[in-house]
Amino acid sequence: LFAQARQLSVINEGGSEETQPSSQNHLDICHDILCETVILSSFCCGSQTDRAVQLLLETSADNPSYYCDSLKACLVTTITSSGPSQSTIKLVATNMIANGKLAEGVQLLCLIDKAADACRYLQTYGEWNRAAWLAKVRLNSAESSDVLKRWAEHLCSPQVNQKSKAIMVLLSLGCFYKVGEMLHR
């Protein structure tokens, strides 16, 4: 799910994430979450399961992930909306997350249209940028707005103290009154 976004990011010497410079005049990945949802959705594959299966099946047989990717392709093609399968997948996803497999659990939650839950898990585990990105790609505007507002609150916390970034997030949501209050303080 985050593979394309990760390709654009690198970890700098201080341990924080930076984006690699692009040869084209595009916004850095860190600004994608501030774009209009319609624009962002045209660049990101929201829930294109056919494309996901195709990519999984293209894994080379000599790749260490071949077996796992093949099983994932089978899983993706057999996802149904029945209660028992949804419950099982959600249980497996939450168990994976609890056992340190956050990305894998988030992917499973997205497969069963539980992206809002996935965003909450990402935020709980400190993956605020990824939660915001996922919200813009997969959630409706109200749910996405809630995720981004929680992110802005987090950015304003004394531990993080990134109020200028919080202002950018709030501006992207059209929360002009809140921005005015913050600037006044």
N, C-alpha and C. Protein backbone atom coordinates (compact mmCIF):
# COMPACT_ATOMS: atom_id res chain seq x y z
N LEU A 1 0.82 -1.20 0.00
CA LEU A 1 0.00 0.00 0.00
C LEU A 1 0.86 1.25 0.00
N PHE A 2 1.90 1.26 0.80
CA PHE A 2 2.73 2.44 0.90
C PHE A 2 4.00 2.32 0.08
N ALA A 3 4.12 1.28 -0.71
CA ALA A 3 5.38 1.03 -1.42
C ALA A 3 5.75 2.20 -2.33
N GLN A 4 4.78 2.72 -3.08
CA GLN A 4 5.08 3.83 -3.98
C GLN A 4 5.48 5.07 -3.19
N ALA A 5 4.81 5.32 -2.08
CA ALA A 5 5.14 6.49 -1.27
C ALA A 5 6.51 6.32 -0.63
N ARG A 6 6.84 5.10 -0.20
CA ARG A 6 8.14 4.86 0.42
C ARG A 6 9.27 5.06 -0.56
N GLN A 7 9.05 4.74 -1.84
CA GLN A 7 10.10 4.91 -2.83
C GLN A 7 10.51 6.37 -2.93
N LEU A 8 9.61 7.27 -2.60
CA LEU A 8 9.89 8.68 -2.69
C LEU A 8 10.52 9.23 -1.42
N SER A 9 10.57 8.43 -0.37
CA SER A 9 11.07 8.89 0.91
C SER A 9 12.38 8.21 1.28
N VAL A 10 13.20 8.92 2.01
CA VAL A 10 14.44 8.37 2.54
C VAL A 10 14.56 8.82 3.98
N ILE A 11 15.34 8.10 4.76
CA ILE A 11 15.57 8.48 6.14
C ILE A 11 16.91 9.22 6.19
N ASN A 12 16.91 10.43 6.74
CA ASN A 12 18.16 11.20 6.81
C ASN A 12 18.97 10.77 8.02
N GLU A 13 20.13 11.36 8.20
CA GLU A 13 21.04 10.96 9.27
C GLU A 13 20.46 11.19 10.66
N GLY A 14 19.60 12.15 10.81
CA GLY A 14 18.98 12.42 12.10
C GLY A 14 17.84 11.49 12.43
N GLY A 15 17.48 10.60 11.50
CA GLY A 15 16.42 9.64 11.74
C GLY A 15 15.05 10.10 11.29
N SER A 16 14.95 11.31 10.71
CA SER A 16 13.65 11.77 10.25
C SER A 16 13.52 11.52 8.75
N GLU A 17 12.27 11.48 8.32
CA GLU A 17 12.00 11.15 6.92
C GLU A 17 12.08 12.39 6.05
N GLU A 18 12.76 12.29 4.93
CA GLU A 18 12.83 13.38 3.95
C GLU A 18 12.38 12.82 2.60
N THR A 19 12.01 13.72 1.71
CA THR A 19 11.67 13.26 0.37
C THR A 19 12.83 13.51 -0.55
N GLN A 20 12.99 12.59 -1.50
CA GLN A 20 14.05 12.75 -2.47
C GLN A 20 13.64 13.80 -3.48
N PRO A 21 14.59 14.58 -3.99
CA PRO A 21 14.23 15.57 -4.99
C PRO A 21 13.76 14.90 -6.26
N SER A 22 12.81 15.51 -6.91
CA SER A 22 12.26 14.98 -8.14
C SER A 22 12.82 15.77 -9.32
N SER A 23 12.99 15.09 -10.43
CA SER A 23 13.49 15.78 -11.60
C SER A 23 12.39 16.59 -12.28
N GLN A 24 11.14 16.34 -11.89
CA GLN A 24 10.02 17.09 -12.45
C GLN A 24 9.55 18.10 -11.42
N ASN A 25 8.72 19.03 -11.86
CA ASN A 25 8.22 20.07 -10.96
C ASN A 25 6.93 19.66 -10.28
N HIS A 26 6.99 18.62 -9.46
CA HIS A 26 5.84 18.15 -8.69
C HIS A 26 6.04 18.52 -7.24
N LEU A 27 4.94 18.56 -6.49
CA LEU A 27 5.06 18.76 -5.06
C LEU A 27 5.75 17.56 -4.44
N ASP A 28 6.52 17.80 -3.40
CA ASP A 28 7.11 16.69 -2.65
C ASP A 28 5.98 15.85 -2.08
N ILE A 29 6.26 14.58 -1.79
CA ILE A 29 5.25 13.68 -1.25
C ILE A 29 4.68 14.22 0.06
N CYS A 30 5.47 14.98 0.82
CA CYS A 30 4.98 15.51 2.09
C CYS A 30 3.85 16.51 1.88
N HIS A 31 3.71 17.06 0.68
CA HIS A 31 2.64 18.02 0.41
C HIS A 31 1.43 17.37 -0.26
N ASP A 32 1.52 16.10 -0.65
CA ASP A 32 0.40 15.42 -1.29
C ASP A 32 -0.87 15.45 -0.45
N ILE A 33 -0.71 15.33 0.84
CA ILE A 33 -1.87 15.28 1.71
C ILE A 33 -2.57 16.63 1.82
N LEU A 34 -1.93 17.67 1.31
CA LEU A 34 -2.55 18.99 1.32
C LEU A 34 -3.28 19.28 0.01
N CYS A 35 -3.13 18.39 -0.98
CA CYS A 35 -3.79 18.56 -2.27
C CYS A 35 -5.27 18.23 -2.16
N GLU A 36 -6.02 18.71 -3.12
CA GLU A 36 -7.42 18.34 -3.20
C GLU A 36 -7.52 16.83 -3.35
N THR A 37 -8.53 16.23 -2.72
CA THR A 37 -8.69 14.78 -2.76
C THR A 37 -8.84 14.27 -4.18
N VAL A 38 -9.57 14.98 -5.02
CA VAL A 38 -9.78 14.54 -6.40
C VAL A 38 -8.46 14.48 -7.15
N ILE A 39 -7.60 15.49 -6.96
CA ILE A 39 -6.31 15.52 -7.63
C ILE A 39 -5.44 14.38 -7.12
N LEU A 40 -5.38 14.21 -5.82
CA LEU A 40 -4.56 13.15 -5.24
C LEU A 40 -5.03 11.77 -5.69
N SER A 41 -6.33 11.56 -5.71
CA SER A 41 -6.86 10.26 -6.10
C SER A 41 -6.48 9.89 -7.53
N SER A 42 -6.31 10.90 -8.38
CA SER A 42 -5.93 10.59 -9.77
C SER A 42 -4.49 10.12 -9.88
N PHE A 43 -3.67 10.36 -8.83
CA PHE A 43 -2.29 9.92 -8.84
C PHE A 43 -2.08 8.64 -8.03
N CYS A 44 -2.98 8.32 -7.17
CA CYS A 44 -2.81 7.17 -6.29
C CYS A 44 -3.87 6.13 -6.57
N CYS A 45 -3.50 4.88 -6.43
CA CYS A 45 -4.51 3.83 -6.62
C CYS A 45 -5.20 3.60 -5.30
N GLY A 46 -6.42 4.02 -5.21
CA GLY A 46 -7.18 3.90 -3.98
C GLY A 46 -7.50 2.47 -3.62
N SER A 47 -8.35 1.81 -4.37
CA SER A 47 -8.73 0.44 -4.03
C SER A 47 -8.84 -0.39 -5.31
N GLN A 48 -7.83 -0.33 -6.13
CA GLN A 48 -7.83 -1.06 -7.39
C GLN A 48 -7.30 -2.47 -7.16
N THR A 49 -8.21 -3.35 -6.75
CA THR A 49 -7.78 -4.70 -6.41
C THR A 49 -7.25 -5.47 -7.62
N ASP A 50 -7.81 -5.25 -8.79
CA ASP A 50 -7.30 -5.94 -9.98
C ASP A 50 -5.84 -5.60 -10.23
N ARG A 51 -5.49 -4.33 -10.09
CA ARG A 51 -4.11 -3.91 -10.28
C ARG A 51 -3.21 -4.49 -9.18
N ALA A 52 -3.73 -4.53 -7.96
CA ALA A 52 -2.95 -5.09 -6.85
C ALA A 52 -2.65 -6.57 -7.10
N VAL A 53 -3.65 -7.31 -7.55
CA VAL A 53 -3.45 -8.74 -7.84
C VAL A 53 -2.43 -8.90 -8.96
N GLN A 54 -2.55 -8.09 -9.99
CA GLN A 54 -1.61 -8.17 -11.11
C GLN A 54 -0.17 -7.96 -10.63
N LEU A 55 0.04 -6.93 -9.80
CA LEU A 55 1.38 -6.66 -9.29
C LEU A 55 1.89 -7.80 -8.41
N LEU A 56 1.03 -8.35 -7.58
CA LEU A 56 1.44 -9.47 -6.73
C LEU A 56 1.83 -10.69 -7.56
N LEU A 57 1.08 -10.94 -8.62
CA LEU A 57 1.36 -12.11 -9.46
C LEU A 57 2.60 -11.92 -10.33
N GLU A 58 3.05 -10.69 -10.48
CA GLU A 58 4.25 -10.42 -11.27
C GLU A 58 5.54 -10.63 -10.47
N THR A 59 5.41 -10.99 -9.20
CA THR A 59 6.60 -11.25 -8.39
C THR A 59 7.36 -12.43 -8.98
N SER A 60 8.63 -12.24 -9.17
CA SER A 60 9.49 -13.27 -9.75
C SER A 60 9.60 -14.47 -8.81
N ALA A 61 9.67 -15.67 -9.38
CA ALA A 61 9.74 -16.90 -8.58
C ALA A 61 11.00 -16.97 -7.74
N ASP A 62 12.05 -16.28 -8.11
CA ASP A 62 13.28 -16.30 -7.31
C ASP A 62 13.30 -15.22 -6.22
N ASN A 63 12.25 -14.42 -6.15
CA ASN A 63 12.13 -13.39 -5.13
C ASN A 63 11.71 -14.04 -3.81
N PRO A 64 12.32 -13.66 -2.69
CA PRO A 64 11.94 -14.24 -1.39
C PRO A 64 10.48 -14.01 -1.02
N SER A 65 9.83 -13.01 -1.62
CA SER A 65 8.43 -12.71 -1.33
C SER A 65 7.45 -13.44 -2.24
N TYR A 66 7.97 -14.26 -3.13
CA TYR A 66 7.12 -14.92 -4.14
C TYR A 66 5.95 -15.67 -3.52
N TYR A 67 6.22 -16.55 -2.56
CA TYR A 67 5.17 -17.37 -1.96
C TYR A 67 4.14 -16.49 -1.25
N CYS A 68 4.63 -15.57 -0.44
CA CYS A 68 3.75 -14.67 0.31
C CYS A 68 2.91 -13.80 -0.64
N ASP A 69 3.53 -13.27 -1.68
CA ASP A 69 2.80 -12.44 -2.65
C ASP A 69 1.75 -13.26 -3.39
N SER A 70 2.06 -14.50 -3.70
CA SER A 70 1.09 -15.38 -4.36
C SER A 70 -0.12 -15.62 -3.47
N LEU A 71 0.13 -15.86 -2.18
CA LEU A 71 -0.97 -16.05 -1.23
C LEU A 71 -1.79 -14.77 -1.08
N LYS A 72 -1.10 -13.63 -1.06
CA LYS A 72 -1.82 -12.35 -0.98
C LYS A 72 -2.72 -12.16 -2.19
N ALA A 73 -2.23 -12.53 -3.37
CA ALA A 73 -3.05 -12.42 -4.58
C ALA A 73 -4.31 -13.26 -4.46
N CYS A 74 -4.16 -14.47 -3.91
CA CYS A 74 -5.33 -15.33 -3.70
C CYS A 74 -6.30 -14.69 -2.71
N LEU A 75 -5.76 -14.14 -1.64
CA LEU A 75 -6.60 -13.50 -0.63
C LEU A 75 -7.38 -12.33 -1.21
N VAL A 76 -6.68 -11.49 -1.94
CA VAL A 76 -7.33 -10.30 -2.51
C VAL A 76 -8.46 -10.69 -3.45
N THR A 77 -8.26 -11.73 -4.24
CA THR A 77 -9.31 -12.12 -5.19
C THR A 77 -10.48 -12.81 -4.53
N THR A 78 -10.30 -13.31 -3.31
CA THR A 78 -11.39 -14.03 -2.65
C THR A 78 -12.10 -13.22 -1.58
N ILE A 79 -11.72 -11.97 -1.42
CA ILE A 79 -12.38 -11.13 -0.42
C ILE A 79 -13.86 -11.04 -0.75
N THR A 80 -14.68 -11.34 0.22
CA THR A 80 -16.13 -11.23 0.04
C THR A 80 -16.69 -10.32 1.11
N SER A 81 -17.92 -9.92 0.95
CA SER A 81 -18.53 -9.02 1.92
C SER A 81 -19.26 -9.79 3.02
N SER A 82 -19.07 -11.12 3.09
CA SER A 82 -19.76 -11.89 4.12
C SER A 82 -19.21 -11.53 5.49
N GLY A 83 -20.07 -11.59 6.48
CA GLY A 83 -19.70 -11.25 7.85
C GLY A 83 -18.53 -12.05 8.39
N PRO A 84 -18.57 -13.40 8.28
CA PRO A 84 -17.47 -14.19 8.85
C PRO A 84 -16.11 -13.88 8.23
N SER A 85 -16.03 -13.71 6.92
CA SER A 85 -14.72 -13.44 6.31
C SER A 85 -14.23 -12.05 6.71
N GLN A 86 -15.13 -11.09 6.77
CA GLN A 86 -14.76 -9.74 7.20
C GLN A 86 -14.25 -9.76 8.63
N SER A 87 -14.94 -10.47 9.50
CA SER A 87 -14.54 -10.55 10.90
C SER A 87 -13.18 -11.23 11.06
N THR A 88 -12.97 -12.30 10.31
CA THR A 88 -11.70 -13.01 10.38
C THR A 88 -10.56 -12.13 9.91
N ILE A 89 -10.76 -11.45 8.80
CA ILE A 89 -9.71 -10.59 8.26
C ILE A 89 -9.42 -9.45 9.23
N LYS A 90 -10.46 -8.87 9.83
CA LYS A 90 -10.24 -7.79 10.79
C LYS A 90 -9.49 -8.30 12.02
N LEU A 91 -9.83 -9.49 12.49
CA LEU A 91 -9.13 -10.09 13.62
C LEU A 91 -7.66 -10.33 13.30
N VAL A 92 -7.40 -10.89 12.13
CA VAL A 92 -6.02 -11.14 11.71
C VAL A 92 -5.26 -9.81 11.59
N ALA A 93 -5.91 -8.79 11.02
CA ALA A 93 -5.27 -7.49 10.86
C ALA A 93 -4.90 -6.89 12.22
N THR A 94 -5.83 -6.91 13.16
CA THR A 94 -5.53 -6.32 14.48
C THR A 94 -4.46 -7.13 15.21
N ASN A 95 -4.46 -8.45 15.04
CA ASN A 95 -3.40 -9.27 15.64
C ASN A 95 -2.05 -8.94 15.03
N MET A 96 -2.02 -8.75 13.71
CA MET A 96 -0.77 -8.38 13.05
C MET A 96 -0.26 -7.05 13.58
N ILE A 97 -1.14 -6.09 13.68
CA ILE A 97 -0.76 -4.76 14.17
C ILE A 97 -0.22 -4.86 15.60
N ALA A 98 -0.92 -5.62 16.44
CA ALA A 98 -0.49 -5.77 17.82
C ALA A 98 0.87 -6.46 17.94
N ASN A 99 1.22 -7.24 16.92
CA ASN A 99 2.48 -7.99 16.94
C ASN A 99 3.55 -7.37 16.05
N GLY A 100 3.42 -6.06 15.80
CA GLY A 100 4.48 -5.33 15.11
C GLY A 100 4.42 -5.35 13.59
N LYS A 101 3.36 -5.85 13.01
CA LYS A 101 3.20 -5.88 11.56
C LYS A 101 2.17 -4.83 11.15
N LEU A 102 2.49 -3.56 11.43
CA LEU A 102 1.56 -2.46 11.20
C LEU A 102 1.16 -2.34 9.73
N ALA A 103 2.15 -2.29 8.84
CA ALA A 103 1.85 -2.10 7.41
C ALA A 103 0.97 -3.24 6.87
N GLU A 104 1.28 -4.46 7.27
CA GLU A 104 0.50 -5.61 6.78
C GLU A 104 -0.93 -5.57 7.32
N GLY A 105 -1.08 -5.21 8.60
CA GLY A 105 -2.42 -5.10 9.18
C GLY A 105 -3.24 -4.00 8.53
N VAL A 106 -2.59 -2.88 8.25
CA VAL A 106 -3.26 -1.77 7.58
C VAL A 106 -3.73 -2.20 6.19
N GLN A 107 -2.89 -2.92 5.47
CA GLN A 107 -3.26 -3.40 4.14
C GLN A 107 -4.50 -4.28 4.21
N LEU A 108 -4.54 -5.19 5.18
CA LEU A 108 -5.71 -6.06 5.32
C LEU A 108 -6.96 -5.25 5.65
N LEU A 109 -6.84 -4.27 6.54
CA LEU A 109 -8.00 -3.44 6.86
C LEU A 109 -8.51 -2.70 5.64
N CYS A 110 -7.60 -2.23 4.81
CA CYS A 110 -8.01 -1.52 3.59
C CYS A 110 -8.71 -2.47 2.61
N LEU A 111 -8.29 -3.71 2.58
CA LEU A 111 -8.93 -4.69 1.69
C LEU A 111 -10.40 -4.89 2.03
N ILE A 112 -10.75 -4.74 3.30
CA ILE A 112 -12.14 -4.95 3.70
C ILE A 112 -12.84 -3.61 3.98
N ASP A 113 -12.33 -2.57 3.36
CA ASP A 113 -12.93 -1.23 3.46
C ASP A 113 -13.01 -0.70 4.90
N LYS A 114 -11.97 -0.95 5.65
CA LYS A 114 -11.85 -0.42 7.01
C LYS A 114 -10.69 0.56 7.09
N ALA A 115 -10.60 1.44 6.09
CA ALA A 115 -9.50 2.40 6.02
C ALA A 115 -9.53 3.39 7.18
N ALA A 116 -10.71 3.73 7.68
CA ALA A 116 -10.79 4.65 8.82
C ALA A 116 -10.14 4.01 10.04
N ASP A 117 -10.39 2.72 10.26
CA ASP A 117 -9.73 1.99 11.35
C ASP A 117 -8.22 1.97 11.13
N ALA A 118 -7.82 1.73 9.89
CA ALA A 118 -6.40 1.69 9.56
C ALA A 118 -5.73 3.02 9.88
N CYS A 119 -6.40 4.12 9.56
CA CYS A 119 -5.85 5.45 9.86
C CYS A 119 -5.68 5.65 11.36
N ARG A 120 -6.66 5.19 12.14
CA ARG A 120 -6.55 5.32 13.60
C ARG A 120 -5.36 4.51 14.13
N TYR A 121 -5.18 3.31 13.61
CA TYR A 121 -4.02 2.50 14.03
C TYR A 121 -2.72 3.20 13.66
N LEU A 122 -2.65 3.73 12.44
CA LEU A 122 -1.43 4.42 12.02
C LEU A 122 -1.14 5.60 12.94
N GLN A 123 -2.17 6.37 13.29
CA GLN A 123 -1.96 7.50 14.18
C GLN A 123 -1.53 7.04 15.58
N THR A 124 -2.15 5.97 16.06
CA THR A 124 -1.80 5.44 17.38
C THR A 124 -0.34 5.04 17.44
N TYR A 125 0.18 4.51 16.34
CA TYR A 125 1.57 4.07 16.29
C TYR A 125 2.52 5.14 15.75
N GLY A 126 2.05 6.38 15.70
CA GLY A 126 2.92 7.51 15.35
C GLY A 126 3.17 7.70 13.87
N GLU A 127 2.43 7.01 13.02
CA GLU A 127 2.59 7.12 11.56
C GLU A 127 1.61 8.16 11.02
N TRP A 128 1.77 9.39 11.47
CA TRP A 128 0.82 10.46 11.17
C TRP A 128 0.78 10.81 9.68
N ASN A 129 1.93 10.90 9.03
CA ASN A 129 1.95 11.24 7.60
C ASN A 129 1.26 10.15 6.78
N ARG A 130 1.54 8.91 7.09
CA ARG A 130 0.91 7.81 6.35
C ARG A 130 -0.59 7.75 6.59
N ALA A 131 -1.00 8.06 7.82
CA ALA A 131 -2.44 8.09 8.12
C ALA A 131 -3.12 9.18 7.30
N ALA A 132 -2.49 10.34 7.21
CA ALA A 132 -3.07 11.44 6.43
C ALA A 132 -3.13 11.08 4.96
N TRP A 133 -2.08 10.47 4.45
CA TRP A 133 -2.04 10.06 3.03
C TRP A 133 -3.15 9.05 2.75
N LEU A 134 -3.27 8.05 3.61
CA LEU A 134 -4.29 7.03 3.43
C LEU A 134 -5.68 7.64 3.50
N ALA A 135 -5.88 8.56 4.42
CA ALA A 135 -7.19 9.22 4.56
C ALA A 135 -7.57 9.96 3.28
N LYS A 136 -6.62 10.67 2.70
CA LYS A 136 -6.91 11.42 1.47
C LYS A 136 -7.22 10.49 0.31
N VAL A 137 -6.60 9.32 0.30
CA VAL A 137 -6.77 8.40 -0.81
C VAL A 137 -8.03 7.54 -0.67
N ARG A 138 -8.35 7.12 0.53
CA ARG A 138 -9.38 6.10 0.70
C ARG A 138 -10.66 6.54 1.39
N LEU A 139 -10.66 7.63 2.14
CA LEU A 139 -11.83 8.00 2.94
C LEU A 139 -12.65 9.09 2.26
N ASN A 140 -13.92 9.16 2.66
CA ASN A 140 -14.75 10.26 2.16
C ASN A 140 -14.26 11.55 2.81
N SER A 141 -14.75 12.67 2.34
CA SER A 141 -14.20 13.95 2.79
C SER A 141 -14.39 14.19 4.29
N ALA A 142 -15.52 13.77 4.86
CA ALA A 142 -15.75 13.99 6.29
C ALA A 142 -14.78 13.15 7.13
N GLU A 143 -14.62 11.88 6.77
CA GLU A 143 -13.70 11.01 7.51
C GLU A 143 -12.26 11.48 7.34
N SER A 144 -11.91 11.87 6.13
CA SER A 144 -10.56 12.36 5.86
C SER A 144 -10.29 13.62 6.67
N SER A 145 -11.26 14.49 6.73
CA SER A 145 -11.13 15.73 7.50
C SER A 145 -10.88 15.44 8.98
N ASP A 146 -11.58 14.45 9.52
CA ASP A 146 -11.39 14.08 10.93
C ASP A 146 -9.95 13.62 11.18
N VAL A 147 -9.43 12.78 10.28
CA VAL A 147 -8.06 12.28 10.41
C VAL A 147 -7.07 13.43 10.36
N LEU A 148 -7.27 14.35 9.41
CA LEU A 148 -6.35 15.47 9.26
C LEU A 148 -6.44 16.45 10.44
N LYS A 149 -7.63 16.63 10.98
CA LYS A 149 -7.77 17.50 12.16
C LYS A 149 -7.06 16.90 13.37
N ARG A 150 -7.15 15.58 13.54
CA ARG A 150 -6.40 14.92 14.63
C ARG A 150 -4.90 15.12 14.43
N TRP A 151 -4.46 15.06 13.17
CA TRP A 151 -3.05 15.27 12.86
C TRP A 151 -2.64 16.70 13.23
N ALA A 152 -3.48 17.67 12.88
CA ALA A 152 -3.17 19.06 13.20
C ALA A 152 -3.07 19.25 14.72
N GLU A 153 -3.97 18.62 15.47
CA GLU A 153 -3.91 18.70 16.93
C GLU A 153 -2.60 18.11 17.44
N HIS A 154 -2.21 16.98 16.85
CA HIS A 154 -0.94 16.34 17.22
C HIS A 154 0.24 17.27 16.93
N LEU A 155 0.20 17.91 15.77
CA LEU A 155 1.30 18.82 15.39
C LEU A 155 1.41 20.00 16.33
N CYS A 156 0.30 20.42 16.93
CA CYS A 156 0.30 21.56 17.86
C CYS A 156 0.69 21.16 19.28
N SER A 157 0.76 19.88 19.55
CA SER A 157 1.08 19.44 20.91
C SER A 157 2.48 19.92 21.31
N PRO A 158 2.70 20.15 22.61
CA PRO A 158 4.01 20.64 23.06
C PRO A 158 5.17 19.71 22.69
N GLN A 159 4.91 18.39 22.64
CA GLN A 159 5.97 17.44 22.30
C GLN A 159 6.42 17.59 20.85
N VAL A 160 5.50 17.93 19.96
CA VAL A 160 5.81 18.02 18.53
C VAL A 160 6.12 19.46 18.13
N ASN A 161 5.27 20.38 18.53
CA ASN A 161 5.45 21.82 18.33
C ASN A 161 5.77 22.19 16.88
N GLN A 162 4.94 21.72 15.96
CA GLN A 162 5.08 22.09 14.54
C GLN A 162 3.82 22.85 14.10
N LYS A 163 3.63 24.00 14.71
CA LYS A 163 2.41 24.77 14.47
C LYS A 163 2.29 25.27 13.04
N SER A 164 3.41 25.58 12.40
CA SER A 164 3.32 26.05 11.02
C SER A 164 2.81 24.94 10.09
N LYS A 165 3.22 23.72 10.35
CA LYS A 165 2.72 22.59 9.56
C LYS A 165 1.24 22.34 9.86
N ALA A 166 0.86 22.50 11.13
CA ALA A 166 -0.54 22.35 11.52
C ALA A 166 -1.41 23.39 10.80
N ILE A 167 -0.88 24.60 10.70
CA ILE A 167 -1.62 25.66 9.99
C ILE A 167 -1.82 25.29 8.53
N MET A 168 -0.80 24.72 7.90
CA MET A 168 -0.93 24.28 6.50
C MET A 168 -2.02 23.22 6.35
N VAL A 169 -2.04 22.27 7.29
CA VAL A 169 -3.05 21.21 7.25
C VAL A 169 -4.44 21.82 7.41
N LEU A 170 -4.59 22.72 8.38
CA LEU A 170 -5.89 23.34 8.62
C LEU A 170 -6.32 24.22 7.44
N LEU A 171 -5.38 24.91 6.82
CA LEU A 171 -5.71 25.70 5.63
C LEU A 171 -6.21 24.79 4.51
N SER A 172 -5.59 23.63 4.35
CA SER A 172 -6.02 22.70 3.29
C SER A 172 -7.43 22.19 3.53
N LEU A 173 -7.86 22.23 4.80
CA LEU A 173 -9.22 21.78 5.15
C LEU A 173 -10.23 22.93 5.13
N GLY A 174 -9.73 24.15 4.93
CA GLY A 174 -10.62 25.31 4.93
C GLY A 174 -11.02 25.76 6.32
N CYS A 175 -10.24 25.42 7.33
CA CYS A 175 -10.52 25.81 8.72
C CYS A 175 -9.89 27.17 9.01
N PHE A 176 -10.38 28.19 8.32
CA PHE A 176 -9.77 29.50 8.37
C PHE A 176 -9.91 30.16 9.75
N TYR A 177 -11.05 29.96 10.42
CA TYR A 177 -11.25 30.55 11.74
C TYR A 177 -10.23 29.98 12.72
N LYS A 178 -10.04 28.66 12.69
CA LYS A 178 -9.06 28.01 13.57
C LYS A 178 -7.65 28.51 13.28
N VAL A 179 -7.34 28.69 12.01
CA VAL A 179 -6.01 29.21 11.62
C VAL A 179 -5.84 30.61 12.17
N GLY A 180 -6.88 31.43 12.04
CA GLY A 180 -6.83 32.80 12.57
C GLY A 180 -6.58 32.82 14.07
N GLU A 181 -7.26 31.91 14.80
CA GLU A 181 -7.05 31.81 16.25
C GLU A 181 -5.59 31.44 16.55
N MET A 182 -5.07 30.48 15.81
CA MET A 182 -3.68 30.05 16.05
C MET A 182 -2.70 31.17 15.77
N LEU A 183 -2.91 31.90 14.69
CA LEU A 183 -2.01 33.00 14.33
C LEU A 183 -2.11 34.14 15.35
N HIS A 184 -3.29 34.36 15.87
CA HIS A 184 -3.48 35.42 16.86
C HIS A 184 -2.70 35.12 18.14
N ARG A 185 -2.69 33.83 18.54
CA ARG A 185 -1.94 33.42 19.74
C ARG A 185 -0.48 33.56 19.49
